[in-house]
Amino acid sequence: MKNKMFAVPMNLGANKAGIDFGPEVLEEKFPEVFGNMELIEVEKKREDFNEQSLKYKNTILHTCEKLAKAVNKAVKEGYRPITIGGDHSIALGSISGVAKEKDNLGVIWIDAHGDMNTDESTESGHIHGMPLASLQGLGDKDLANCFFQGSKIKNENVVILGARDIDEKELEIIEKYGIKMINYTEVLEKGIDQILGEIKDYLKVEELHISFDVDSIDPEFAPGVSTPVRSGFSPKEMFETFTFLFDNYKISSVDIVEYNPVNDKSEKTMNFVNELTEFVLNFKK
């Protein structure tokens, strides 16, 4: 399958400086990999700054609508969209664009966080902690109706992998809707091979979207993120995970998000993101 890459320099979902520079830094350093990205510009919209539970909602939603339209066009033309962030709020756009054409899309959300908060459960108001809930039709209706009305993915078609930092109210939402969540503690206890086997047994879909947050990796190997959490996957475990997913599913689309060059050390994270992206672009079944 041909790939088409999109760059979305969004930082407002995390409300952190630096993430917006991620795509630009990658393109400058590795033009042969990132040089053909289509830029989805972030246009600032008028915001209600009294709305503390949905910070920068209008700008984020406008950007996600633009991304969804571009991704949807790419899917219709036979491409696999690869979206480079930017913070994880942009997955609302990328997945909405794919889901418009895929009725039974599966999503594996590889992240230290669940991103299953809503405007009612959030402690921070940061929308990068909400996209997975919005994609399932939960929370703020404007976000849930991004690109087209209603939920984009079924609850049973979602797996959260590698979570290590879940809010209490967020956990209540995950449990209420029966979302399959595999904490990184379980990976340590069972080993990555057994966990991947469990995912295959559970996730009965043909086509799968991989939404990968760099903070799922141990900060020892990838410090360049905005919300680091102790422990996490090694790069080796993540390459094994991606290989398994590509071998066992038709990968419709991929997000690689939350790389923050401001917090990187010795270009560790930058080099890892480049290697993972090259893997995705060059994988041959």
Foldseek 3Di string as FASTA:
>chain_A
DAAAEAEELADQLVPDPFFSCQLVVLCVVCVVQSVRHHYQYQDQDDDDPVLFLATSVVSLLVSLLSLLVVLLVQVVVPHAYEYETDAQSSVLNNLNNVLVPPVAEAEEEQAQEDLCDASVRDPGSRNSSPSVNLLQVDHDQSSVQRNHHHHRHQQQRYEYEAHNDYDPVSVVRCVVRVHHYDHVVNCVVPPLVVVLVVCLVRNPDAEYEYEHELLQEACVQQVQFDDHDHDHDHLVSVVVNVVSPVVRHHYRYYYYGGGGPVRGDPCRNSVSVSVVSCCVNPDDD
